[in-house]
N, C-alpha and C. Protein backbone atom coordinates (compact mmCIF):
# COMPACT_ATOMS: atom_id res chain seq x y z
N MET A 1 28.96 15.24 45.09
CA MET A 1 27.83 15.82 44.43
C MET A 1 27.83 15.48 42.93
N ALA A 2 29.01 15.50 42.30
CA ALA A 2 29.14 15.17 40.89
C ALA A 2 28.78 13.72 40.63
N ILE A 3 29.09 12.84 41.59
CA ILE A 3 28.76 11.42 41.45
C ILE A 3 27.25 11.23 41.43
N ILE A 4 26.53 11.96 42.26
CA ILE A 4 25.06 11.85 42.32
C ILE A 4 24.45 12.30 41.00
N LYS A 5 24.96 13.40 40.41
CA LYS A 5 24.45 13.87 39.13
C LYS A 5 24.70 12.84 38.03
N THR A 6 25.88 12.24 38.04
CA THR A 6 26.21 11.22 37.05
C THR A 6 25.31 10.00 37.20
N VAL A 7 25.07 9.58 38.42
CA VAL A 7 24.19 8.43 38.68
C VAL A 7 22.78 8.75 38.20
N LYS A 8 22.31 9.96 38.45
CA LYS A 8 20.97 10.37 38.00
C LYS A 8 20.87 10.33 36.48
N LYS A 9 21.90 10.84 35.80
CA LYS A 9 21.90 10.85 34.34
C LYS A 9 21.91 9.43 33.78
N VAL A 10 22.74 8.56 34.34
CA VAL A 10 22.82 7.18 33.89
C VAL A 10 21.49 6.46 34.15
N THR A 11 20.89 6.72 35.31
CA THR A 11 19.59 6.11 35.65
C THR A 11 18.51 6.59 34.69
N LEU A 12 18.51 7.88 34.40
CA LEU A 12 17.52 8.44 33.47
C LEU A 12 17.69 7.84 32.08
N LEU A 13 18.92 7.77 31.60
CA LEU A 13 19.19 7.19 30.29
C LEU A 13 18.78 5.72 30.26
N GLY A 14 19.13 4.98 31.28
CA GLY A 14 18.75 3.57 31.37
C GLY A 14 17.24 3.39 31.39
N SER A 15 16.54 4.25 32.10
CA SER A 15 15.08 4.19 32.16
C SER A 15 14.47 4.46 30.80
N LEU A 16 15.01 5.46 30.11
CA LEU A 16 14.49 5.77 28.77
C LEU A 16 14.66 4.59 27.83
N LEU A 17 15.82 3.95 27.89
CA LEU A 17 16.04 2.79 27.04
C LEU A 17 15.15 1.62 27.43
N MET A 18 14.93 1.43 28.71
CA MET A 18 14.15 0.31 29.21
C MET A 18 12.66 0.49 28.91
N PHE A 19 12.18 1.73 28.97
CA PHE A 19 10.76 1.98 28.80
C PHE A 19 10.38 2.44 27.40
N SER A 20 11.28 2.35 26.48
CA SER A 20 10.95 2.69 25.10
C SER A 20 11.22 1.49 24.22
N GLY A 21 10.65 1.52 23.04
CA GLY A 21 10.84 0.41 22.11
C GLY A 21 12.00 0.68 21.18
N CYS A 22 12.70 -0.36 20.84
CA CYS A 22 13.85 -0.22 19.96
C CYS A 22 13.41 0.25 18.58
N ALA A 23 12.37 -0.37 18.03
CA ALA A 23 11.89 0.04 16.72
C ALA A 23 11.34 1.46 16.76
N SER A 24 10.75 1.85 17.88
CA SER A 24 10.23 3.21 18.02
C SER A 24 11.36 4.23 18.00
N ILE A 25 12.51 3.86 18.51
CA ILE A 25 13.66 4.77 18.55
C ILE A 25 14.32 4.84 17.18
N VAL A 26 14.56 3.70 16.55
CA VAL A 26 15.34 3.63 15.32
C VAL A 26 14.47 3.82 14.08
N SER A 27 13.27 3.28 14.07
CA SER A 27 12.40 3.32 12.90
C SER A 27 11.27 4.33 13.11
N ASP A 28 10.18 4.12 12.37
CA ASP A 28 9.04 5.01 12.45
C ASP A 28 7.77 4.17 12.36
N SER A 29 6.64 4.79 12.57
CA SER A 29 5.37 4.07 12.46
C SER A 29 4.65 4.43 11.17
N SER A 30 5.07 5.49 10.49
CA SER A 30 4.53 5.89 9.18
C SER A 30 5.69 6.01 8.20
N TYR A 31 5.43 5.64 6.95
CA TYR A 31 6.49 5.62 5.96
C TYR A 31 6.07 6.32 4.67
N PRO A 32 6.99 7.06 4.05
CA PRO A 32 6.70 7.60 2.72
C PRO A 32 6.82 6.48 1.69
N VAL A 33 5.79 6.33 0.86
CA VAL A 33 5.79 5.28 -0.17
C VAL A 33 5.58 5.96 -1.52
N ALA A 34 6.51 5.74 -2.46
CA ALA A 34 6.39 6.30 -3.80
C ALA A 34 5.44 5.41 -4.61
N ILE A 35 4.38 6.00 -5.15
CA ILE A 35 3.41 5.28 -5.98
C ILE A 35 3.70 5.65 -7.43
N GLN A 36 4.08 4.65 -8.22
CA GLN A 36 4.43 4.88 -9.62
C GLN A 36 3.61 3.96 -10.50
N SER A 37 3.36 4.40 -11.73
CA SER A 37 2.66 3.54 -12.69
C SER A 37 3.28 3.73 -14.06
N THR A 38 3.09 2.71 -14.87
CA THR A 38 3.45 2.79 -16.28
C THR A 38 2.18 2.52 -17.06
N PRO A 39 1.64 3.52 -17.74
CA PRO A 39 2.16 4.87 -17.94
C PRO A 39 1.90 5.77 -16.72
N ASP A 40 2.57 6.93 -16.70
CA ASP A 40 2.37 7.93 -15.65
C ASP A 40 0.98 8.54 -15.75
N PHE A 41 0.65 9.33 -14.76
CA PHE A 41 -0.58 10.12 -14.69
C PHE A 41 -1.84 9.25 -14.66
N ALA A 42 -1.75 8.14 -13.94
CA ALA A 42 -2.91 7.28 -13.71
C ALA A 42 -3.53 7.66 -12.37
N ASN A 43 -4.84 7.55 -12.27
CA ASN A 43 -5.54 7.82 -11.01
C ASN A 43 -5.40 6.61 -10.09
N PHE A 44 -5.28 6.88 -8.79
CA PHE A 44 -5.22 5.76 -7.85
C PHE A 44 -6.02 6.09 -6.60
N THR A 45 -6.48 5.01 -5.95
CA THR A 45 -7.18 5.11 -4.67
C THR A 45 -6.57 4.07 -3.75
N ILE A 46 -6.22 4.49 -2.54
CA ILE A 46 -5.64 3.58 -1.55
C ILE A 46 -6.66 3.40 -0.43
N THR A 47 -7.01 2.14 -0.14
CA THR A 47 -7.89 1.82 0.99
C THR A 47 -7.14 0.91 1.94
N ASN A 48 -7.40 1.08 3.25
CA ASN A 48 -6.75 0.21 4.23
C ASN A 48 -7.54 -1.09 4.36
N LYS A 49 -7.08 -2.00 5.22
CA LYS A 49 -7.74 -3.31 5.30
C LYS A 49 -9.12 -3.23 5.93
N SER A 50 -9.46 -2.09 6.52
CA SER A 50 -10.82 -1.88 7.05
C SER A 50 -11.75 -1.35 5.97
N GLY A 51 -11.21 -1.08 4.78
CA GLY A 51 -12.03 -0.58 3.67
C GLY A 51 -12.16 0.93 3.63
N VAL A 52 -11.40 1.64 4.46
CA VAL A 52 -11.45 3.10 4.52
C VAL A 52 -10.47 3.67 3.49
N THR A 53 -10.94 4.61 2.67
CA THR A 53 -10.07 5.28 1.71
C THR A 53 -9.14 6.21 2.48
N VAL A 54 -7.83 6.00 2.32
CA VAL A 54 -6.86 6.82 3.05
C VAL A 54 -6.14 7.82 2.15
N HIS A 55 -6.20 7.61 0.82
CA HIS A 55 -5.55 8.56 -0.08
C HIS A 55 -6.04 8.33 -1.51
N THR A 56 -6.17 9.40 -2.26
CA THR A 56 -6.42 9.34 -3.69
C THR A 56 -5.47 10.31 -4.36
N GLY A 57 -5.14 10.05 -5.60
CA GLY A 57 -4.23 10.95 -6.29
C GLY A 57 -3.92 10.48 -7.69
N VAL A 58 -2.85 11.04 -8.25
CA VAL A 58 -2.39 10.73 -9.60
C VAL A 58 -0.92 10.37 -9.51
N THR A 59 -0.52 9.33 -10.26
CA THR A 59 0.87 8.88 -10.25
C THR A 59 1.70 9.78 -11.14
N PRO A 60 2.98 9.93 -10.90
CA PRO A 60 3.73 9.46 -9.73
C PRO A 60 3.58 10.43 -8.56
N THR A 61 3.61 9.90 -7.36
CA THR A 61 3.54 10.73 -6.16
C THR A 61 4.08 9.95 -4.97
N ILE A 62 4.23 10.63 -3.86
CA ILE A 62 4.66 9.99 -2.62
C ILE A 62 3.57 10.22 -1.58
N VAL A 63 3.14 9.14 -0.93
CA VAL A 63 2.14 9.22 0.13
C VAL A 63 2.74 8.67 1.42
N THR A 64 2.25 9.14 2.54
CA THR A 64 2.72 8.63 3.83
C THR A 64 1.64 7.72 4.39
N LEU A 65 2.03 6.48 4.69
CA LEU A 65 1.09 5.46 5.17
C LEU A 65 1.55 4.89 6.50
N LYS A 66 0.59 4.56 7.35
CA LYS A 66 0.89 3.93 8.64
C LYS A 66 1.19 2.45 8.43
N ALA A 67 2.19 1.94 9.14
CA ALA A 67 2.57 0.54 9.01
C ALA A 67 1.74 -0.37 9.90
N GLY A 68 1.19 0.15 10.98
CA GLY A 68 0.40 -0.66 11.91
C GLY A 68 -1.07 -0.31 11.85
N ALA A 69 -1.90 -1.30 12.23
CA ALA A 69 -3.36 -1.11 12.22
C ALA A 69 -3.94 -1.23 13.61
N GLY A 70 -3.12 -1.30 14.62
CA GLY A 70 -3.57 -1.46 15.99
C GLY A 70 -2.60 -2.34 16.75
N TYR A 71 -2.94 -2.64 17.98
CA TYR A 71 -2.06 -3.41 18.86
C TYR A 71 -1.73 -4.78 18.26
N PHE A 72 -0.46 -5.00 17.93
CA PHE A 72 0.05 -6.22 17.30
C PHE A 72 -0.65 -6.54 15.98
N LYS A 73 -1.10 -5.51 15.25
CA LYS A 73 -1.76 -5.72 13.95
C LYS A 73 -1.03 -4.93 12.87
N SER A 74 -0.58 -5.66 11.86
CA SER A 74 0.05 -4.99 10.73
C SER A 74 -1.04 -4.42 9.83
N GLU A 75 -0.67 -3.46 9.00
CA GLU A 75 -1.62 -2.84 8.08
C GLU A 75 -1.37 -3.35 6.68
N SER A 76 -2.42 -3.41 5.89
CA SER A 76 -2.28 -3.70 4.47
C SER A 76 -3.19 -2.74 3.72
N TYR A 77 -2.78 -2.42 2.52
CA TYR A 77 -3.51 -1.45 1.70
C TYR A 77 -3.81 -2.05 0.33
N SER A 78 -4.94 -1.66 -0.21
CA SER A 78 -5.30 -2.02 -1.57
C SER A 78 -5.16 -0.76 -2.41
N ILE A 79 -4.33 -0.83 -3.44
CA ILE A 79 -4.10 0.33 -4.31
C ILE A 79 -4.72 0.02 -5.67
N LYS A 80 -5.80 0.73 -6.00
CA LYS A 80 -6.46 0.54 -7.29
C LYS A 80 -6.02 1.66 -8.22
N VAL A 81 -5.46 1.27 -9.38
CA VAL A 81 -4.94 2.22 -10.34
C VAL A 81 -5.75 2.12 -11.61
N SER A 82 -6.13 3.28 -12.17
CA SER A 82 -6.92 3.28 -13.40
C SER A 82 -6.51 4.45 -14.29
N LYS A 83 -6.63 4.20 -15.59
CA LYS A 83 -6.36 5.23 -16.59
C LYS A 83 -7.14 4.86 -17.84
N GLU A 84 -7.71 5.87 -18.46
CA GLU A 84 -8.51 5.62 -19.67
C GLU A 84 -7.66 4.94 -20.74
N GLY A 85 -8.23 3.89 -21.33
CA GLY A 85 -7.52 3.14 -22.34
C GLY A 85 -6.72 1.98 -21.78
N TYR A 86 -6.73 1.82 -20.46
CA TYR A 86 -5.97 0.76 -19.80
C TYR A 86 -6.89 0.01 -18.84
N ALA A 87 -6.60 -1.25 -18.64
CA ALA A 87 -7.37 -2.06 -17.69
C ALA A 87 -7.00 -1.64 -16.26
N ASP A 88 -8.01 -1.53 -15.40
CA ASP A 88 -7.75 -1.21 -13.99
C ASP A 88 -6.90 -2.32 -13.37
N LYS A 89 -6.06 -1.93 -12.44
CA LYS A 89 -5.22 -2.91 -11.77
C LYS A 89 -5.22 -2.60 -10.28
N THR A 90 -5.25 -3.66 -9.47
CA THR A 90 -5.22 -3.51 -8.02
C THR A 90 -3.97 -4.19 -7.48
N PHE A 91 -3.30 -3.49 -6.57
CA PHE A 91 -2.07 -4.00 -5.96
C PHE A 91 -2.26 -4.00 -4.46
N VAL A 92 -1.85 -5.07 -3.79
CA VAL A 92 -1.94 -5.13 -2.34
C VAL A 92 -0.57 -4.83 -1.75
N LEU A 93 -0.53 -3.83 -0.87
CA LEU A 93 0.69 -3.41 -0.19
C LEU A 93 0.55 -3.79 1.28
N SER A 94 1.44 -4.64 1.77
CA SER A 94 1.35 -5.11 3.16
C SER A 94 2.60 -4.73 3.94
N SER A 95 2.40 -4.39 5.21
CA SER A 95 3.55 -4.11 6.06
C SER A 95 4.17 -5.42 6.53
N THR A 96 5.46 -5.36 6.84
CA THR A 96 6.19 -6.54 7.32
C THR A 96 6.88 -6.18 8.64
N MET A 97 7.35 -7.17 9.33
CA MET A 97 8.02 -6.98 10.61
C MET A 97 9.32 -6.20 10.41
N ASP A 98 9.51 -5.16 11.19
CA ASP A 98 10.73 -4.37 11.16
C ASP A 98 11.79 -5.09 11.99
N GLY A 99 12.95 -5.31 11.41
CA GLY A 99 14.04 -6.01 12.10
C GLY A 99 14.46 -5.35 13.40
N TRP A 100 14.30 -4.03 13.49
CA TRP A 100 14.68 -3.31 14.70
C TRP A 100 13.80 -3.68 15.88
N TYR A 101 12.62 -4.23 15.61
CA TYR A 101 11.74 -4.66 16.70
C TYR A 101 12.45 -5.69 17.58
N TRP A 102 13.23 -6.56 16.96
CA TRP A 102 13.94 -7.60 17.71
C TRP A 102 15.10 -7.04 18.51
N GLY A 103 15.46 -5.78 18.27
CA GLY A 103 16.48 -5.11 19.07
C GLY A 103 16.07 -4.96 20.52
N ASN A 104 14.75 -5.03 20.78
CA ASN A 104 14.26 -4.98 22.16
C ASN A 104 14.86 -6.10 23.02
N ILE A 105 15.08 -7.25 22.41
CA ILE A 105 15.65 -8.39 23.14
C ILE A 105 17.07 -8.06 23.59
N LEU A 106 17.83 -7.43 22.69
CA LEU A 106 19.23 -7.13 22.99
C LEU A 106 19.40 -6.11 24.11
N ILE A 107 18.51 -5.11 24.16
CA ILE A 107 18.67 -4.09 25.19
C ILE A 107 17.73 -4.31 26.38
N GLY A 108 17.02 -5.41 26.36
CA GLY A 108 16.16 -5.74 27.50
C GLY A 108 14.90 -4.90 27.58
N GLY A 109 14.42 -4.43 26.44
CA GLY A 109 13.24 -3.57 26.42
C GLY A 109 11.94 -4.34 26.35
N LEU A 110 11.60 -5.05 27.43
CA LEU A 110 10.37 -5.83 27.46
C LEU A 110 9.14 -4.95 27.26
N ILE A 111 9.16 -3.77 27.86
CA ILE A 111 8.03 -2.85 27.70
C ILE A 111 7.96 -2.37 26.25
N GLY A 112 9.10 -2.11 25.65
CA GLY A 112 9.14 -1.72 24.25
C GLY A 112 8.63 -2.82 23.35
N MET A 113 8.98 -4.06 23.69
CA MET A 113 8.59 -5.19 22.85
C MET A 113 7.11 -5.53 22.98
N LEU A 114 6.56 -5.41 24.16
CA LEU A 114 5.17 -5.82 24.38
C LEU A 114 4.17 -4.68 24.38
N ILE A 115 4.65 -3.44 24.55
CA ILE A 115 3.70 -2.33 24.64
C ILE A 115 3.99 -1.23 23.62
N VAL A 116 5.15 -0.59 23.71
CA VAL A 116 5.42 0.61 22.92
C VAL A 116 5.41 0.34 21.41
N ASP A 117 6.25 -0.57 20.94
CA ASP A 117 6.32 -0.85 19.50
C ASP A 117 5.02 -1.40 18.93
N PRO A 118 4.33 -2.34 19.60
CA PRO A 118 3.06 -2.82 19.06
C PRO A 118 1.96 -1.75 19.01
N ILE A 119 1.89 -0.87 20.00
CA ILE A 119 0.86 0.17 20.00
C ILE A 119 1.14 1.23 18.95
N THR A 120 2.39 1.65 18.83
CA THR A 120 2.73 2.72 17.88
C THR A 120 2.77 2.21 16.44
N GLY A 121 2.89 0.90 16.25
CA GLY A 121 3.02 0.35 14.90
C GLY A 121 4.45 0.34 14.41
N ALA A 122 5.39 0.76 15.26
CA ALA A 122 6.80 0.83 14.87
C ALA A 122 7.42 -0.55 14.68
N MET A 123 6.72 -1.60 15.09
CA MET A 123 7.26 -2.94 14.89
C MET A 123 7.10 -3.41 13.44
N TYR A 124 6.41 -2.59 12.62
CA TYR A 124 6.19 -2.92 11.22
C TYR A 124 6.83 -1.86 10.32
N LYS A 125 7.07 -2.23 9.06
CA LYS A 125 7.60 -1.29 8.08
C LYS A 125 6.90 -1.51 6.75
N LEU A 126 6.98 -0.51 5.88
CA LEU A 126 6.41 -0.58 4.54
C LEU A 126 7.52 -0.39 3.51
N PRO A 127 7.36 -0.93 2.31
CA PRO A 127 8.38 -0.72 1.27
C PRO A 127 8.42 0.74 0.84
N ALA A 128 9.52 1.15 0.28
CA ALA A 128 9.72 2.54 -0.12
C ALA A 128 8.97 2.91 -1.38
N ASP A 129 8.67 1.93 -2.24
CA ASP A 129 7.95 2.27 -3.48
C ASP A 129 7.11 1.12 -3.99
N VAL A 130 6.15 1.50 -4.83
CA VAL A 130 5.26 0.55 -5.50
C VAL A 130 5.22 0.96 -6.96
N ALA A 131 5.48 0.01 -7.86
CA ALA A 131 5.43 0.27 -9.30
C ALA A 131 4.39 -0.66 -9.92
N ILE A 132 3.41 -0.07 -10.60
CA ILE A 132 2.31 -0.84 -11.17
C ILE A 132 2.28 -0.59 -12.67
N ASN A 133 2.33 -1.67 -13.45
CA ASN A 133 2.25 -1.59 -14.91
C ASN A 133 0.82 -1.86 -15.35
N LEU A 134 0.26 -0.92 -16.10
CA LEU A 134 -1.10 -1.07 -16.60
C LEU A 134 -1.08 -1.70 -17.99
N ASP A 135 -2.07 -2.53 -18.27
CA ASP A 135 -2.20 -3.18 -19.57
C ASP A 135 -3.26 -2.45 -20.40
N THR A 136 -2.99 -2.29 -21.71
CA THR A 136 -3.98 -1.63 -22.57
C THR A 136 -5.21 -2.50 -22.70
N THR A 137 -6.35 -1.84 -22.88
CA THR A 137 -7.61 -2.58 -23.06
C THR A 137 -7.88 -2.74 -24.54
N THR A 138 -8.62 -3.75 -24.88
CA THR A 138 -8.99 -4.01 -26.28
C THR A 138 -10.49 -4.06 -26.41
N THR A 139 -11.19 -3.10 -25.82
CA THR A 139 -12.64 -3.09 -25.88
C THR A 139 -13.10 -2.48 -27.20
N ALA A 140 -14.26 -2.86 -27.65
CA ALA A 140 -14.83 -2.34 -28.88
C ALA A 140 -15.23 -0.88 -28.66
N SER A 141 -14.89 -0.02 -29.62
CA SER A 141 -15.25 1.39 -29.47
C SER A 141 -16.64 1.64 -30.04
N ASN A 142 -17.33 2.62 -29.51
CA ASN A 142 -18.68 3.01 -29.93
C ASN A 142 -19.68 1.87 -29.83
N ASN A 143 -19.45 0.96 -28.93
CA ASN A 143 -20.37 -0.17 -28.68
C ASN A 143 -20.62 -1.00 -29.94
N GLN A 144 -19.68 -1.07 -30.86
CA GLN A 144 -19.83 -1.89 -32.05
C GLN A 144 -19.39 -3.31 -31.72
N ILE A 145 -20.22 -4.26 -32.14
CA ILE A 145 -19.93 -5.66 -31.86
C ILE A 145 -19.89 -6.40 -33.18
N MET A 146 -18.92 -7.25 -33.33
CA MET A 146 -18.80 -8.05 -34.54
C MET A 146 -19.28 -9.46 -34.23
N THR A 147 -20.24 -9.93 -35.03
CA THR A 147 -20.75 -11.28 -34.86
C THR A 147 -20.59 -12.03 -36.17
N ILE A 148 -20.12 -13.24 -36.10
CA ILE A 148 -19.97 -14.08 -37.29
C ILE A 148 -21.13 -15.06 -37.32
N ALA A 149 -21.85 -15.05 -38.44
CA ALA A 149 -23.01 -15.94 -38.59
C ALA A 149 -23.12 -16.35 -40.06
N SER A 150 -23.74 -17.47 -40.31
CA SER A 150 -23.97 -17.89 -41.69
C SER A 150 -25.20 -17.16 -42.23
N TYR A 151 -25.25 -16.96 -43.55
CA TYR A 151 -26.36 -16.23 -44.18
C TYR A 151 -27.69 -16.92 -43.90
N ASP A 152 -27.69 -18.22 -43.88
CA ASP A 152 -28.92 -18.98 -43.68
C ASP A 152 -29.49 -18.80 -42.27
N SER A 153 -28.63 -18.42 -41.27
CA SER A 153 -29.11 -18.29 -39.90
C SER A 153 -29.74 -16.91 -39.62
N LEU A 154 -29.66 -15.99 -40.60
CA LEU A 154 -30.19 -14.64 -40.42
C LEU A 154 -31.68 -14.58 -40.75
N ASN A 155 -32.40 -13.69 -40.03
CA ASN A 155 -33.81 -13.47 -40.38
C ASN A 155 -33.86 -12.43 -41.49
N GLU A 156 -35.05 -12.15 -42.03
CA GLU A 156 -35.20 -11.24 -43.17
C GLU A 156 -34.74 -9.82 -42.85
N GLU A 157 -35.01 -9.34 -41.64
CA GLU A 157 -34.59 -7.98 -41.23
C GLU A 157 -33.07 -7.87 -41.23
N GLN A 158 -32.39 -8.89 -40.70
CA GLN A 158 -30.92 -8.89 -40.65
C GLN A 158 -30.34 -8.98 -42.06
N LYS A 159 -30.96 -9.78 -42.94
CA LYS A 159 -30.48 -9.90 -44.32
C LYS A 159 -30.59 -8.57 -45.05
N ALA A 160 -31.63 -7.79 -44.74
CA ALA A 160 -31.84 -6.50 -45.38
C ALA A 160 -30.76 -5.48 -45.00
N LYS A 161 -30.14 -5.63 -43.82
CA LYS A 161 -29.12 -4.69 -43.34
C LYS A 161 -27.72 -5.03 -43.82
N LEU A 162 -27.57 -6.16 -44.52
CA LEU A 162 -26.24 -6.58 -44.97
C LEU A 162 -25.72 -5.67 -46.09
N ILE A 163 -24.40 -5.46 -46.08
CA ILE A 163 -23.71 -4.65 -47.10
C ILE A 163 -22.79 -5.61 -47.84
N LYS A 164 -22.91 -5.58 -49.17
CA LYS A 164 -22.09 -6.46 -50.00
C LYS A 164 -20.66 -5.91 -50.07
N VAL A 165 -19.68 -6.79 -49.84
CA VAL A 165 -18.27 -6.43 -49.90
C VAL A 165 -17.65 -7.22 -51.03
N ASN A 166 -16.95 -6.53 -51.95
CA ASN A 166 -16.32 -7.20 -53.09
C ASN A 166 -14.93 -7.61 -52.77
């Protein structure tokens, strides 16, 4: 009787390993990603490759993003960061193949390799953090524009507005 119970347990364990994906067991399909900027407290918007906004917030923060976009499709995100006084910057975050996905070959998990991991997105991974450096802008304040022109090229109205500088 004890032998039958042991055989059942071994069969159940073997079935679980055979019908599950290696990356699904060891990894995950969603990952926490730290979004950081220099300077801090910049606004950001994350859109997926379908153009859907999946998260908005202020740096620094941690967001959870899915690594897969469907059956055998990796996900990529566009992160637009903006802050007053700085030029907007966009960063593309793409998922990559998770090394644990290839573990299916070692344990014979054909179903895991062709069905479970691709459907769940566990065959892909995302980096743990994103750091974006913003550049200061040099735009003219108060809509003032400086134009260099010769005196002879000005009309009478423009000449009347000139201020003499010593």
